[in-house]
C-alpha atoms as a PDB file:
ATOM      1  CA  UNK A   1     130.702 177.097   6.170  1.00  0.00           C
ATOM      2  CA  UNK A   2     128.324 174.174   6.578  1.00  0.00           C
ATOM      3  CA  UNK A   3     126.996 174.417   3.001  1.00  0.00           C
ATOM      4  CA  UNK A   4     130.458 173.856   1.525  1.00  0.00           C
ATOM      5  CA  UNK A   5     131.137 170.986   3.932  1.00  0.00           C
ATOM      6  CA  UNK A   6     127.879 169.344   2.866  1.00  0.00           C
ATOM      7  CA  UNK A   7     128.710 169.669  -0.836  1.00  0.00           C
ATOM      8  CA  UNK A   8     132.137 168.121  -0.253  1.00  0.00           C
ATOM      9  CA  UNK A   9     130.649 165.294   1.831  1.00  0.00           C
ATOM     10  CA  UNK A  10     128.122 164.463  -0.900  1.00  0.00           C
ATOM     11  CA  UNK A  11     130.902 164.510  -3.518  1.00  0.00           C
ATOM     12  CA  UNK A  12     133.031 162.136  -1.405  1.00  0.00           C
ATOM     13  CA  UNK A  13     130.083 159.798  -0.902  1.00  0.00           C
ATOM     14  CA  UNK A  14     129.327 159.738  -4.623  1.00  0.00           C
ATOM     15  CA  UNK A  15     132.927 158.697  -5.376  1.00  0.00           C
ATOM     16  CA  UNK A  16     132.482 155.641  -3.147  1.00  0.00           C
ATOM     17  CA  UNK A  17     129.126 154.742  -4.724  1.00  0.00           C
ATOM     18  CA  UNK A  18     127.482 155.225  -1.332  1.00  0.00           C
ATOM     19  CA  UNK A  19     124.123 156.970  -1.245  1.00  0.00           C
ATOM     20  CA  UNK A  20     124.279 160.445   0.281  1.00  0.00           C
ATOM     21  CA  UNK A  21     121.550 159.955   2.855  1.00  0.00           C
ATOM     22  CA  UNK A  22     120.909 162.481   5.609  1.00  0.00           C
ATOM     23  CA  UNK A  23     122.492 160.095   8.141  1.00  0.00           C
ATOM     24  CA  UNK A  24     125.612 159.580   5.998  1.00  0.00           C
ATOM     25  CA  UNK A  25     126.027 163.334   5.539  1.00  0.00           C
ATOM     26  CA  UNK A  26     125.442 163.941   9.249  1.00  0.00           C
ATOM     27  CA  UNK A  27     128.310 161.572  10.100  1.00  0.00           C
ATOM     28  CA  UNK A  28     130.684 163.589   7.915  1.00  0.00           C
ATOM     29  CA  UNK A  29     129.603 167.152   8.753  1.00  0.00           C
ATOM     30  CA  UNK A  30     129.853 168.677  12.217  1.00  0.00           C
ATOM     31  CA  UNK A  31     126.421 170.279  12.401  1.00  0.00           C
ATOM     32  CA  UNK A  32     123.235 169.933  14.384  1.00  0.00           C
ATOM     33  CA  UNK A  33     120.473 168.009  12.565  1.00  0.00           C
ATOM     34  CA  UNK A  34     118.263 171.106  12.283  1.00  0.00           C
ATOM     35  CA  UNK A  35     121.154 173.132  10.856  1.00  0.00           C
ATOM     36  CA  UNK A  36     121.949 170.333   8.415  1.00  0.00           C
ATOM     37  CA  UNK A  37     118.339 170.128   7.205  1.00  0.00           C
ATOM     38  CA  UNK A  38     118.189 173.910   6.746  1.00  0.00           C
ATOM     39  CA  UNK A  39     121.466 173.905   4.812  1.00  0.00           C
ATOM     40  CA  UNK A  40     120.301 171.090   2.514  1.00  0.00           C
ATOM     41  CA  UNK A  41     117.065 173.002   1.872  1.00  0.00           C
ATOM     42  CA  UNK A  42     119.122 176.131   1.009  1.00  0.00           C
ATOM     43  CA  UNK A  43     121.341 174.141  -1.332  1.00  0.00           C
ATOM     44  CA  UNK A  44     118.268 172.641  -2.989  1.00  0.00           C
ATOM     45  CA  UNK A  45     116.688 176.060  -3.517  1.00  0.00           C
ATOM     46  CA  UNK A  46     119.985 177.280  -4.962  1.00  0.00           C
ATOM     47  CA  UNK A  47     120.055 174.454  -7.493  1.00  0.00           C
ATOM     48  CA  UNK A  48     123.162 172.796  -6.018  1.00  0.00           C
ATOM     49  CA  UNK A  49     121.493 169.568  -4.874  1.00  0.00           C
ATOM     50  CA  UNK A  50     118.367 167.565  -5.544  1.00  0.00           C
ATOM     51  CA  UNK A  51     116.513 165.610  -2.881  1.00  0.00           C
ATOM     52  CA  UNK A  52     114.783 162.303  -3.546  1.00  0.00           C
ATOM     53  CA  UNK A  53     113.228 160.400  -0.693  1.00  0.00           C
ATOM     54  CA  UNK A  54     116.181 159.648   1.605  1.00  0.00           C
ATOM     55  CA  UNK A  55     118.978 160.633  -0.805  1.00  0.00           C
ATOM     56  CA  UNK A  56     120.618 163.951  -1.653  1.00  0.00           C
ATOM     57  CA  UNK A  57     122.453 164.294  -4.988  1.00  0.00           C
ATOM     58  CA  UNK A  58     124.677 166.986  -6.408  1.00  0.00           C
ATOM     59  CA  UNK A  59     123.596 168.766  -9.551  1.00  0.00           C
ATOM     60  CA  UNK A  60     126.279 169.562 -12.121  1.00  0.00           C
ATOM     61  CA  UNK A  61     126.446 173.070 -10.679  1.00  0.00           C
ATOM     62  CA  UNK A  62     126.747 171.628  -7.167  1.00  0.00           C
ATOM     63  CA  UNK A  63     129.561 169.325  -8.274  1.00  0.00           C
ATOM     64  CA  UNK A  64     131.434 172.263  -9.824  1.00  0.00           C
ATOM     65  CA  UNK A  65     131.119 174.244  -6.588  1.00  0.00           C
ATOM     66  CA  UNK A  66     132.199 171.250  -4.473  1.00  0.00           C
ATOM     67  CA  UNK A  67     135.269 170.657  -6.598  1.00  0.00           C
ATOM     68  CA  UNK A  68     136.212 174.339  -6.724  1.00  0.00           C
ATOM     69  CA  UNK A  69     135.929 174.896  -2.973  1.00  0.00           C
END
C-alpha cells in the first residue's frame, strides 16, 4: 500500500537528517504524483504526518506505524 511505503520513506529520510520533501518522497515511492499527494493528505488527516511548507514529518503515531509495518 502506498501509505505504508510513504511512512517508511519518511522514516528513512529522517534517519539521514534529510528533509522529507515531496520530491524526496517521490523518488523513493513508486506512485504517480497525484496519488502521492492524495496519500499524504490522507495520512495528514489521520494524524500520521504533519505538513509544513515543502516538508512532511512523521508524528509519533506515524513513526510507530512506520516502524511496526
